[in-house]
Amino acid sequence: MIFNFKEENIQFLFVLSAPATEDFSKLIVNHLSRGGNQKLITTAAQKLGISKETIQAGIEEVIYLYVESCKRKLSWTDFKDFLVRTGFNQEQAEILSRVYEGQKCFISETLQEQQKSQFPHFSNLEWRLESQVASRSLLHQNDPTLLLELETSEGGTPQRHFLQMEPSVLQSITSKLNDALKEANSVLAKRVLKKFS
């Protein structure tokens, strides 16, 4: 997988020791939870002998990687493997992956809140199965129909959508969506995505 990030912003991290990487990860957590603390960034820059702008850019770039990984629902091991391929050693990748795993829920919730304000989102789904068993002209008729009431919210305003379909159509849609999800998460799809992104 390829992320559209600036590797030059994190190259200084490749040579950090494990304790220095731990300290840097604390800066990332602080930045995520409280916003940037310029005093801590200045102190870290003095300890490492790097400009505070470089530290700030590194923090923002690693947070960008965390956000993109959450969007793609990467597991801890996938993220760690990505960091190793990027240029981090095993120990650094382990430390940054632990921070990723610890902050994953917070980042995902933040992303969901942003999406809620931009797009309609799912609120509720109610369904009913109706079937006409017989009529005057046909004694043995079985005609099932699935009625769905889908409720979405956009900007706090609920909207209701009514759908009617046969169970076979719903089954077909469900299987196609499951197949598409499996295909999107396959190794081949990730390789193709890597080539084109």
N, C-alpha and C. Protein backbone atom coordinates (compact mmCIF):
# COMPACT_ATOMS: atom_id res chain seq x y z
N MET A 1 0.84 -1.18 0.00
CA MET A 1 0.00 0.00 0.00
C MET A 1 0.88 1.24 0.00
N ILE A 2 0.41 2.25 -0.66
CA ILE A 2 1.16 3.49 -0.75
C ILE A 2 0.31 4.61 -0.22
N PHE A 3 0.91 5.39 0.66
CA PHE A 3 0.26 6.59 1.14
C PHE A 3 0.92 7.77 0.47
N ASN A 4 0.16 8.80 0.25
CA ASN A 4 0.69 10.00 -0.37
C ASN A 4 1.28 10.89 0.72
N PHE A 5 2.46 10.51 1.23
CA PHE A 5 3.07 11.29 2.30
C PHE A 5 4.47 11.72 1.91
N LYS A 6 5.00 12.70 2.67
CA LYS A 6 6.33 13.23 2.38
C LYS A 6 7.35 12.52 3.26
N GLU A 7 8.06 11.60 2.66
CA GLU A 7 9.02 10.80 3.42
C GLU A 7 10.14 11.66 4.01
N GLU A 8 10.48 12.77 3.35
CA GLU A 8 11.54 13.62 3.87
C GLU A 8 11.19 14.21 5.24
N ASN A 9 9.89 14.30 5.55
CA ASN A 9 9.48 14.84 6.85
C ASN A 9 9.71 13.87 8.00
N ILE A 10 9.88 12.58 7.69
CA ILE A 10 10.08 11.60 8.76
C ILE A 10 11.44 10.91 8.69
N GLN A 11 12.29 11.33 7.78
CA GLN A 11 13.59 10.67 7.64
C GLN A 11 14.45 10.80 8.90
N PHE A 12 14.31 11.91 9.63
CA PHE A 12 15.10 12.07 10.85
C PHE A 12 14.72 11.03 11.90
N LEU A 13 13.52 10.45 11.79
CA LEU A 13 13.08 9.43 12.76
C LEU A 13 13.79 8.10 12.55
N PHE A 14 14.27 7.83 11.33
CA PHE A 14 14.90 6.55 11.03
C PHE A 14 16.16 6.31 11.86
N VAL A 15 16.83 7.37 12.29
CA VAL A 15 18.09 7.23 13.02
C VAL A 15 17.93 7.40 14.53
N LEU A 16 16.71 7.61 15.00
CA LEU A 16 16.50 7.80 16.44
C LEU A 16 16.65 6.48 17.19
N SER A 17 17.12 6.59 18.43
CA SER A 17 17.19 5.40 19.29
C SER A 17 15.79 5.06 19.78
N ALA A 18 15.65 3.89 20.40
CA ALA A 18 14.34 3.47 20.91
C ALA A 18 13.79 4.43 21.97
N PRO A 19 14.61 4.87 22.95
CA PRO A 19 14.08 5.83 23.92
C PRO A 19 13.66 7.16 23.28
N ALA A 20 14.41 7.61 22.29
CA ALA A 20 14.06 8.86 21.60
C ALA A 20 12.77 8.67 20.81
N THR A 21 12.57 7.49 20.22
CA THR A 21 11.33 7.20 19.51
C THR A 21 10.16 7.16 20.48
N GLU A 22 10.39 6.62 21.70
CA GLU A 22 9.35 6.62 22.74
C GLU A 22 8.95 8.06 23.07
N ASP A 23 9.97 8.92 23.25
CA ASP A 23 9.68 10.33 23.55
C ASP A 23 8.90 10.99 22.41
N PHE A 24 9.29 10.67 21.18
CA PHE A 24 8.61 11.24 20.03
C PHE A 24 7.16 10.75 19.98
N SER A 25 6.94 9.49 20.33
CA SER A 25 5.57 8.95 20.33
C SER A 25 4.72 9.66 21.38
N LYS A 26 5.33 10.06 22.50
CA LYS A 26 4.59 10.82 23.52
C LYS A 26 4.17 12.19 22.97
N LEU A 27 5.03 12.79 22.15
CA LEU A 27 4.68 14.05 21.50
C LEU A 27 3.48 13.87 20.57
N ILE A 28 3.44 12.74 19.87
CA ILE A 28 2.33 12.45 18.96
C ILE A 28 1.03 12.31 19.74
N VAL A 29 1.07 11.54 20.84
CA VAL A 29 -0.13 11.35 21.66
C VAL A 29 -0.59 12.69 22.23
N ASN A 30 0.36 13.51 22.69
CA ASN A 30 0.02 14.83 23.22
C ASN A 30 -0.62 15.69 22.14
N HIS A 31 -0.08 15.63 20.94
CA HIS A 31 -0.62 16.42 19.82
C HIS A 31 -2.04 15.97 19.47
N LEU A 32 -2.27 14.67 19.50
CA LEU A 32 -3.60 14.15 19.19
C LEU A 32 -4.63 14.52 20.25
N SER A 33 -4.22 14.44 21.52
CA SER A 33 -5.19 14.65 22.59
C SER A 33 -5.39 16.12 22.96
N ARG A 34 -4.32 16.93 22.92
CA ARG A 34 -4.42 18.31 23.37
C ARG A 34 -4.07 19.35 22.31
N GLY A 35 -3.71 18.91 21.14
CA GLY A 35 -3.19 19.85 20.15
C GLY A 35 -1.69 20.00 20.41
N GLY A 36 -1.00 20.70 19.58
CA GLY A 36 0.45 20.82 19.73
C GLY A 36 0.85 21.67 20.91
N ASN A 37 1.84 21.21 21.68
CA ASN A 37 2.41 21.97 22.77
C ASN A 37 3.79 22.45 22.32
N GLN A 38 3.89 23.72 21.99
CA GLN A 38 5.14 24.26 21.41
C GLN A 38 6.31 24.14 22.38
N LYS A 39 6.03 24.20 23.68
CA LYS A 39 7.11 24.08 24.66
C LYS A 39 7.74 22.69 24.61
N LEU A 40 6.91 21.66 24.53
CA LEU A 40 7.41 20.28 24.45
C LEU A 40 8.16 20.06 23.13
N ILE A 41 7.64 20.63 22.06
CA ILE A 41 8.29 20.48 20.75
C ILE A 41 9.65 21.16 20.75
N THR A 42 9.74 22.34 21.34
CA THR A 42 11.01 23.07 21.43
C THR A 42 12.02 22.28 22.26
N THR A 43 11.57 21.71 23.38
CA THR A 43 12.46 20.90 24.23
C THR A 43 12.97 19.69 23.48
N ALA A 44 12.08 19.01 22.77
CA ALA A 44 12.49 17.82 21.99
C ALA A 44 13.47 18.22 20.89
N ALA A 45 13.23 19.35 20.25
CA ALA A 45 14.13 19.81 19.19
C ALA A 45 15.52 20.10 19.74
N GLN A 46 15.59 20.68 20.92
CA GLN A 46 16.90 20.97 21.54
C GLN A 46 17.62 19.68 21.91
N LYS A 47 16.88 18.69 22.45
CA LYS A 47 17.48 17.41 22.82
C LYS A 47 18.07 16.69 21.61
N LEU A 48 17.32 16.74 20.49
CA LEU A 48 17.74 16.01 19.30
C LEU A 48 18.67 16.82 18.39
N GLY A 49 18.76 18.11 18.64
CA GLY A 49 19.58 18.97 17.79
C GLY A 49 18.97 19.18 16.42
N ILE A 50 17.65 19.24 16.37
CA ILE A 50 16.91 19.42 15.12
C ILE A 50 16.02 20.64 15.29
N SER A 51 15.69 21.28 14.20
CA SER A 51 14.80 22.45 14.29
C SER A 51 13.40 22.02 14.73
N LYS A 52 12.72 22.93 15.42
CA LYS A 52 11.37 22.59 15.89
C LYS A 52 10.39 22.44 14.73
N GLU A 53 10.67 23.09 13.60
CA GLU A 53 9.83 22.94 12.42
C GLU A 53 9.91 21.51 11.88
N THR A 54 11.12 20.93 11.96
CA THR A 54 11.31 19.54 11.51
C THR A 54 10.54 18.58 12.41
N ILE A 55 10.62 18.82 13.72
CA ILE A 55 9.88 17.99 14.68
C ILE A 55 8.38 18.10 14.41
N GLN A 56 7.90 19.34 14.24
CA GLN A 56 6.47 19.57 13.99
C GLN A 56 6.02 18.87 12.71
N ALA A 57 6.83 18.98 11.65
CA ALA A 57 6.49 18.33 10.38
C ALA A 57 6.48 16.81 10.54
N GLY A 58 7.40 16.27 11.33
CA GLY A 58 7.45 14.83 11.58
C GLY A 58 6.22 14.35 12.33
N ILE A 59 5.81 15.11 13.34
CA ILE A 59 4.61 14.76 14.10
C ILE A 59 3.39 14.74 13.18
N GLU A 60 3.24 15.79 12.40
CA GLU A 60 2.09 15.88 11.50
C GLU A 60 2.09 14.77 10.45
N GLU A 61 3.27 14.40 9.98
CA GLU A 61 3.36 13.35 8.96
C GLU A 61 3.00 11.98 9.55
N VAL A 62 3.46 11.70 10.77
CA VAL A 62 3.13 10.42 11.40
C VAL A 62 1.63 10.37 11.71
N ILE A 63 1.07 11.49 12.15
CA ILE A 63 -0.38 11.54 12.41
C ILE A 63 -1.14 11.32 11.10
N TYR A 64 -0.63 11.88 10.01
CA TYR A 64 -1.25 11.65 8.70
C TYR A 64 -1.25 10.15 8.38
N LEU A 65 -0.14 9.47 8.66
CA LEU A 65 -0.07 8.03 8.41
C LEU A 65 -1.07 7.28 9.29
N TYR A 66 -1.22 7.72 10.54
CA TYR A 66 -2.21 7.10 11.43
C TYR A 66 -3.62 7.28 10.87
N VAL A 67 -3.94 8.48 10.43
CA VAL A 67 -5.29 8.76 9.91
C VAL A 67 -5.57 7.93 8.66
N GLU A 68 -4.62 7.91 7.73
CA GLU A 68 -4.81 7.14 6.50
C GLU A 68 -4.93 5.64 6.80
N SER A 69 -4.17 5.17 7.78
CA SER A 69 -4.25 3.76 8.16
C SER A 69 -5.60 3.44 8.78
N CYS A 70 -6.14 4.36 9.57
CA CYS A 70 -7.48 4.15 10.15
C CYS A 70 -8.54 4.15 9.05
N LYS A 71 -8.38 5.02 8.07
CA LYS A 71 -9.34 5.05 6.96
C LYS A 71 -9.34 3.72 6.22
N ARG A 72 -8.17 3.12 6.09
CA ARG A 72 -8.05 1.85 5.37
C ARG A 72 -8.22 0.64 6.29
N LYS A 73 -8.48 0.92 7.57
CA LYS A 73 -8.71 -0.13 8.58
C LYS A 73 -7.54 -1.12 8.65
N LEU A 74 -6.33 -0.58 8.69
CA LEU A 74 -5.15 -1.45 8.79
C LEU A 74 -5.04 -2.03 10.19
N SER A 75 -4.65 -3.26 10.26
CA SER A 75 -4.41 -3.89 11.56
C SER A 75 -3.05 -3.43 12.09
N TRP A 76 -2.80 -3.76 13.33
CA TRP A 76 -1.53 -3.40 13.98
C TRP A 76 -0.35 -3.98 13.21
N THR A 77 -0.46 -5.25 12.81
CA THR A 77 0.66 -5.90 12.12
C THR A 77 0.87 -5.32 10.71
N ASP A 78 -0.23 -5.01 10.01
CA ASP A 78 -0.10 -4.40 8.68
C ASP A 78 0.58 -3.04 8.77
N PHE A 79 0.20 -2.26 9.78
CA PHE A 79 0.80 -0.94 9.95
C PHE A 79 2.28 -1.07 10.29
N LYS A 80 2.60 -2.02 11.15
CA LYS A 80 4.00 -2.24 11.52
C LYS A 80 4.82 -2.65 10.30
N ASP A 81 4.28 -3.56 9.49
CA ASP A 81 4.98 -3.99 8.26
C ASP A 81 5.20 -2.81 7.32
N PHE A 82 4.19 -1.94 7.21
CA PHE A 82 4.32 -0.75 6.37
C PHE A 82 5.45 0.14 6.87
N LEU A 83 5.54 0.34 8.18
CA LEU A 83 6.60 1.19 8.74
C LEU A 83 7.98 0.59 8.48
N VAL A 84 8.10 -0.71 8.60
CA VAL A 84 9.39 -1.37 8.34
C VAL A 84 9.78 -1.19 6.88
N ARG A 85 8.81 -1.35 5.96
CA ARG A 85 9.11 -1.15 4.53
C ARG A 85 9.45 0.31 4.23
N THR A 86 8.91 1.23 5.03
CA THR A 86 9.18 2.65 4.81
C THR A 86 10.61 3.02 5.19
N GLY A 87 11.19 2.32 6.19
CA GLY A 87 12.56 2.63 6.57
C GLY A 87 12.81 2.59 8.07
N PHE A 88 11.78 2.36 8.87
CA PHE A 88 11.96 2.25 10.31
C PHE A 88 12.52 0.87 10.64
N ASN A 89 13.31 0.80 11.74
CA ASN A 89 13.76 -0.52 12.17
C ASN A 89 12.64 -1.17 12.99
N GLN A 90 12.82 -2.44 13.34
CA GLN A 90 11.76 -3.21 14.01
C GLN A 90 11.33 -2.57 15.34
N GLU A 91 12.30 -2.09 16.10
CA GLU A 91 11.99 -1.51 17.42
C GLU A 91 11.18 -0.22 17.28
N GLN A 92 11.59 0.63 16.35
CA GLN A 92 10.84 1.88 16.12
C GLN A 92 9.44 1.59 15.60
N ALA A 93 9.34 0.64 14.68
CA ALA A 93 8.03 0.28 14.12
C ALA A 93 7.12 -0.28 15.21
N GLU A 94 7.70 -1.04 16.13
CA GLU A 94 6.92 -1.59 17.25
C GLU A 94 6.37 -0.46 18.13
N ILE A 95 7.19 0.52 18.43
CA ILE A 95 6.78 1.64 19.29
C ILE A 95 5.68 2.46 18.62
N LEU A 96 5.90 2.83 17.37
CA LEU A 96 4.91 3.64 16.65
C LEU A 96 3.62 2.87 16.39
N SER A 97 3.73 1.55 16.22
CA SER A 97 2.54 0.73 16.02
C SER A 97 1.72 0.62 17.30
N ARG A 98 2.40 0.57 18.45
CA ARG A 98 1.68 0.56 19.73
C ARG A 98 0.87 1.83 19.90
N VAL A 99 1.49 2.97 19.53
CA VAL A 99 0.78 4.25 19.62
C VAL A 99 -0.41 4.24 18.66
N TYR A 100 -0.19 3.71 17.46
CA TYR A 100 -1.29 3.61 16.47
C TYR A 100 -2.45 2.80 17.04
N GLU A 101 -2.12 1.66 17.62
CA GLU A 101 -3.17 0.79 18.18
C GLU A 101 -3.90 1.49 19.32
N GLY A 102 -3.16 2.23 20.15
CA GLY A 102 -3.77 2.93 21.27
C GLY A 102 -4.65 4.10 20.85
N GLN A 103 -4.32 4.76 19.74
CA GLN A 103 -5.04 5.95 19.29
C GLN A 103 -6.05 5.64 18.18
N LYS A 104 -6.09 4.40 17.74
CA LYS A 104 -6.94 4.01 16.61
C LYS A 104 -8.42 4.35 16.85
N CYS A 105 -8.93 4.03 18.03
CA CYS A 105 -10.35 4.30 18.34
C CYS A 105 -10.62 5.80 18.31
N PHE A 106 -9.74 6.58 18.92
CA PHE A 106 -9.92 8.03 18.95
C PHE A 106 -9.93 8.61 17.54
N ILE A 107 -8.99 8.18 16.71
CA ILE A 107 -8.91 8.69 15.34
C ILE A 107 -10.14 8.27 14.54
N SER A 108 -10.55 7.00 14.69
CA SER A 108 -11.73 6.51 13.96
C SER A 108 -12.99 7.28 14.36
N GLU A 109 -13.15 7.54 15.66
CA GLU A 109 -14.31 8.30 16.12
C GLU A 109 -14.29 9.72 15.57
N THR A 110 -13.13 10.33 15.55
CA THR A 110 -13.00 11.69 15.01
C THR A 110 -13.35 11.70 13.53
N LEU A 111 -12.87 10.71 12.79
CA LEU A 111 -13.20 10.62 11.36
C LEU A 111 -14.69 10.42 11.15
N GLN A 112 -15.31 9.60 11.98
CA GLN A 112 -16.75 9.38 11.86
C GLN A 112 -17.53 10.65 12.15
N GLU A 113 -17.10 11.41 13.13
CA GLU A 113 -17.78 12.68 13.44
C GLU A 113 -17.67 13.66 12.27
N GLN A 114 -16.51 13.68 11.63
CA GLN A 114 -16.34 14.55 10.46
C GLN A 114 -17.25 14.10 9.32
N GLN A 115 -17.35 12.80 9.10
CA GLN A 115 -18.19 12.29 8.03
C GLN A 115 -19.66 12.55 8.30
N LYS A 116 -20.06 12.48 9.57
CA LYS A 116 -21.46 12.73 9.91
C LYS A 116 -21.87 14.13 9.52
N SER A 117 -20.96 15.07 9.65
CA SER A 117 -21.30 16.44 9.32
C SER A 117 -21.29 16.68 7.81
N GLN A 118 -20.63 15.80 7.04
CA GLN A 118 -20.51 16.01 5.61
C GLN A 118 -21.53 15.22 4.79
N PHE A 119 -21.83 14.00 5.21
CA PHE A 119 -22.67 13.11 4.41
C PHE A 119 -23.81 12.55 5.26
N PRO A 120 -24.88 12.12 4.60
CA PRO A 120 -25.92 11.43 5.36
C PRO A 120 -25.37 10.14 5.95
N HIS A 121 -25.79 9.80 7.14
CA HIS A 121 -25.30 8.56 7.75
C HIS A 121 -26.46 7.73 8.26
N PHE A 122 -26.21 6.47 8.41
CA PHE A 122 -27.21 5.49 8.81
C PHE A 122 -27.65 5.74 10.25
N SER A 123 -28.96 5.73 10.47
CA SER A 123 -29.50 5.87 11.83
C SER A 123 -30.24 4.61 12.27
N ASN A 124 -31.12 4.12 11.41
CA ASN A 124 -31.96 3.01 11.81
C ASN A 124 -32.44 2.25 10.57
N LEU A 125 -32.71 0.96 10.75
CA LEU A 125 -33.26 0.15 9.68
C LEU A 125 -34.34 -0.75 10.27
N GLU A 126 -35.53 -0.66 9.72
CA GLU A 126 -36.62 -1.55 10.12
C GLU A 126 -37.06 -2.30 8.88
N TRP A 127 -37.45 -3.56 9.06
CA TRP A 127 -37.85 -4.35 7.92
C TRP A 127 -39.06 -5.21 8.27
N ARG A 128 -39.75 -5.61 7.23
CA ARG A 128 -40.93 -6.45 7.39
C ARG A 128 -41.01 -7.36 6.18
N LEU A 129 -41.31 -8.60 6.43
CA LEU A 129 -41.48 -9.57 5.35
C LEU A 129 -42.97 -9.80 5.16
N GLU A 130 -43.46 -9.49 3.97
CA GLU A 130 -44.87 -9.70 3.65
C GLU A 130 -44.96 -10.81 2.61
N SER A 131 -46.02 -11.56 2.72
CA SER A 131 -46.19 -12.63 1.75
C SER A 131 -47.68 -12.81 1.46
N GLN A 132 -48.01 -12.90 0.19
CA GLN A 132 -49.37 -13.20 -0.22
C GLN A 132 -49.42 -14.71 -0.45
N VAL A 133 -50.19 -15.38 0.40
CA VAL A 133 -50.18 -16.84 0.38
C VAL A 133 -51.13 -17.39 -0.67
N ALA A 134 -52.26 -16.75 -0.84
CA ALA A 134 -53.22 -17.23 -1.83
C ALA A 134 -54.15 -16.09 -2.23
N SER A 135 -54.78 -16.28 -3.36
CA SER A 135 -55.79 -15.32 -3.82
C SER A 135 -56.98 -16.12 -4.37
N ARG A 136 -58.00 -15.45 -4.81
CA ARG A 136 -59.18 -16.16 -5.32
C ARG A 136 -58.86 -16.95 -6.59
N SER A 137 -57.98 -16.37 -7.40
CA SER A 137 -57.69 -17.05 -8.66
C SER A 137 -56.58 -18.11 -8.52
N LEU A 138 -55.61 -17.88 -7.62
CA LEU A 138 -54.52 -18.85 -7.42
C LEU A 138 -54.55 -19.33 -5.97
N LEU A 139 -54.75 -20.61 -5.78
CA LEU A 139 -54.86 -21.13 -4.42
C LEU A 139 -53.50 -21.35 -3.76
N HIS A 140 -52.52 -21.67 -4.56
CA HIS A 140 -51.19 -21.94 -4.00
C HIS A 140 -50.19 -20.91 -4.51
N GLN A 141 -50.30 -19.73 -4.02
CA GLN A 141 -49.40 -18.65 -4.45
C GLN A 141 -48.53 -18.25 -3.27
N ASN A 142 -47.26 -18.11 -3.52
CA ASN A 142 -46.34 -17.66 -2.48
C ASN A 142 -45.50 -16.54 -3.07
N ASP A 143 -45.81 -15.33 -2.67
CA ASP A 143 -45.17 -14.16 -3.27
C ASP A 143 -44.58 -13.28 -2.16
N PRO A 144 -43.38 -13.63 -1.62
CA PRO A 144 -42.82 -12.83 -0.52
C PRO A 144 -42.23 -11.51 -1.01
N THR A 145 -42.37 -10.49 -0.19
CA THR A 145 -41.82 -9.17 -0.49
C THR A 145 -41.20 -8.63 0.79
N LEU A 146 -40.05 -8.03 0.66
CA LEU A 146 -39.35 -7.45 1.80
C LEU A 146 -39.51 -5.94 1.75
N LEU A 147 -40.02 -5.36 2.83
CA LEU A 147 -40.18 -3.91 2.92
C LEU A 147 -39.15 -3.39 3.91
N LEU A 148 -38.37 -2.40 3.49
CA LEU A 148 -37.33 -1.82 4.33
C LEU A 148 -37.62 -0.34 4.55
N GLU A 149 -37.45 0.10 5.79
CA GLU A 149 -37.52 1.52 6.10
C GLU A 149 -36.14 1.93 6.61
N LEU A 150 -35.42 2.66 5.79
CA LEU A 150 -34.07 3.09 6.10
C LEU A 150 -34.11 4.53 6.56
N GLU A 151 -33.58 4.77 7.74
CA GLU A 151 -33.55 6.13 8.27
C GLU A 151 -32.11 6.64 8.27
N THR A 152 -31.91 7.78 7.65
CA THR A 152 -30.59 8.41 7.62
C THR A 152 -30.70 9.80 8.25
N SER A 153 -29.57 10.32 8.66
CA SER A 153 -29.54 11.68 9.23
C SER A 153 -28.50 12.49 8.49
N GLU A 154 -28.86 13.70 8.18
CA GLU A 154 -27.92 14.63 7.55
C GLU A 154 -28.05 15.96 8.28
N GLY A 155 -26.97 16.32 8.99
CA GLY A 155 -26.99 17.57 9.74
C GLY A 155 -28.04 17.56 10.85
N GLY A 156 -28.30 16.40 11.44
CA GLY A 156 -29.28 16.30 12.52
C GLY A 156 -30.72 16.15 12.05
N THR A 157 -30.96 16.23 10.74
CA THR A 157 -32.32 16.10 10.20
C THR A 157 -32.54 14.66 9.72
N PRO A 158 -33.47 13.94 10.36
CA PRO A 158 -33.70 12.55 9.92
C PRO A 158 -34.49 12.50 8.61
N GLN A 159 -34.14 11.55 7.78
CA GLN A 159 -34.85 11.31 6.52
C GLN A 159 -35.18 9.83 6.43
N ARG A 160 -36.37 9.53 5.95
CA ARG A 160 -36.79 8.14 5.82
C ARG A 160 -36.89 7.76 4.36
N HIS A 161 -36.38 6.57 4.06
CA HIS A 161 -36.42 6.04 2.70
C HIS A 161 -37.10 4.67 2.76
N PHE A 162 -38.06 4.45 1.91
CA PHE A 162 -38.77 3.17 1.87
C PHE A 162 -38.35 2.39 0.63
N LEU A 163 -38.00 1.14 0.85
CA LEU A 163 -37.54 0.27 -0.23
C LEU A 163 -38.37 -1.01 -0.22
N GLN A 164 -38.64 -1.54 -1.39
CA GLN A 164 -39.38 -2.79 -1.51
C GLN A 164 -38.63 -3.69 -2.49
N MET A 165 -38.39 -4.94 -2.08
CA MET A 165 -37.69 -5.87 -2.96
C MET A 165 -38.02 -7.30 -2.58
N GLU A 166 -37.70 -8.17 -3.48
CA GLU A 166 -37.88 -9.60 -3.22
C GLU A 166 -36.67 -10.09 -2.42
N PRO A 167 -36.84 -11.11 -1.60
CA PRO A 167 -35.72 -11.64 -0.81
C PRO A 167 -34.54 -12.09 -1.68
N SER A 168 -34.81 -12.60 -2.85
CA SER A 168 -33.71 -13.04 -3.73
C SER A 168 -32.85 -11.86 -4.18
N VAL A 169 -33.48 -10.69 -4.40
CA VAL A 169 -32.73 -9.50 -4.78
C VAL A 169 -31.85 -9.04 -3.63
N LEU A 170 -32.41 -9.04 -2.41
CA LEU A 170 -31.63 -8.67 -1.23
C LEU A 170 -30.46 -9.62 -1.02
N GLN A 171 -30.70 -10.91 -1.21
CA GLN A 171 -29.64 -11.91 -1.08
C GLN A 171 -28.54 -11.66 -2.12
N SER A 172 -28.93 -11.34 -3.33
CA SER A 172 -27.97 -11.06 -4.40
C SER A 172 -27.14 -9.82 -4.07
N ILE A 173 -27.80 -8.76 -3.61
CA ILE A 173 -27.09 -7.53 -3.24
C ILE A 173 -26.10 -7.80 -2.11
N THR A 174 -26.54 -8.55 -1.10
CA THR A 174 -25.67 -8.88 0.04
C THR A 174 -24.45 -9.67 -0.39
N SER A 175 -24.65 -10.67 -1.25
CA SER A 175 -23.51 -11.48 -1.69
C SER A 175 -22.54 -10.67 -2.54
N LYS A 176 -23.07 -9.78 -3.41
CA LYS A 176 -22.20 -8.93 -4.23
C LYS A 176 -21.38 -7.98 -3.35
N LEU A 177 -22.02 -7.40 -2.33
CA LEU A 177 -21.29 -6.50 -1.43
C LEU A 177 -20.22 -7.25 -0.63
N ASN A 178 -20.54 -8.46 -0.18
CA ASN A 178 -19.54 -9.27 0.53
C ASN A 178 -18.37 -9.64 -0.37
N ASP A 179 -18.67 -9.99 -1.62
CA ASP A 179 -17.61 -10.31 -2.58
C ASP A 179 -16.73 -9.10 -2.84
N ALA A 180 -17.36 -7.94 -2.99
CA ALA A 180 -16.59 -6.71 -3.24
C ALA A 180 -15.70 -6.37 -2.05
N LEU A 181 -16.21 -6.57 -0.84
CA LEU A 181 -15.42 -6.30 0.36
C LEU A 181 -14.23 -7.24 0.46
N LYS A 182 -14.45 -8.52 0.18
CA LYS A 182 -13.35 -9.50 0.19
C LYS A 182 -12.30 -9.15 -0.87
N GLU A 183 -12.77 -8.76 -2.04
CA GLU A 183 -11.86 -8.41 -3.14
C GLU A 183 -11.04 -7.17 -2.80
N ALA A 184 -11.68 -6.19 -2.18
CA ALA A 184 -10.97 -4.95 -1.83
C ALA A 184 -9.89 -5.21 -0.79
N ASN A 185 -10.08 -6.21 0.07
CA ASN A 185 -9.10 -6.51 1.11
C ASN A 185 -8.09 -7.58 0.70
N SER A 186 -8.18 -8.06 -0.54
CA SER A 186 -7.26 -9.11 -0.99
C SER A 186 -5.88 -8.53 -1.27
N VAL A 187 -4.90 -9.41 -1.28
CA VAL A 187 -3.52 -9.02 -1.53
C VAL A 187 -3.37 -8.45 -2.93
N LEU A 188 -4.03 -9.07 -3.90
CA LEU A 188 -3.95 -8.60 -5.28
C LEU A 188 -4.49 -7.18 -5.43
N ALA A 189 -5.62 -6.90 -4.78
CA ALA A 189 -6.20 -5.55 -4.86
C ALA A 189 -5.25 -4.52 -4.23
N LYS A 190 -4.59 -4.91 -3.15
CA LYS A 190 -3.65 -3.98 -2.50
C LYS A 190 -2.46 -3.71 -3.42
N ARG A 191 -2.02 -4.74 -4.14
CA ARG A 191 -0.90 -4.55 -5.08
C ARG A 191 -1.31 -3.62 -6.22
N VAL A 192 -2.51 -3.83 -6.76
CA VAL A 192 -3.01 -2.99 -7.85
C VAL A 192 -3.15 -1.55 -7.37
N LEU A 193 -3.71 -1.37 -6.17
CA LEU A 193 -3.85 -0.04 -5.59
C LEU A 193 -2.51 0.63 -5.42
N LYS A 194 -1.52 -0.17 -5.02
CA LYS A 194 -0.16 0.35 -4.83
C LYS A 194 0.42 0.86 -6.16
N LYS A 195 0.14 0.15 -7.24
CA LYS A 195 0.66 0.54 -8.55
C LYS A 195 0.05 1.82 -9.05
N PHE A 196 -1.24 2.03 -8.78
CA PHE A 196 -1.95 3.17 -9.34
C PHE A 196 -2.03 4.38 -8.43
N SER A 197 -1.61 4.24 -7.16
CA SER A 197 -1.69 5.41 -6.28
C SER A 197 -0.34 6.00 -6.03
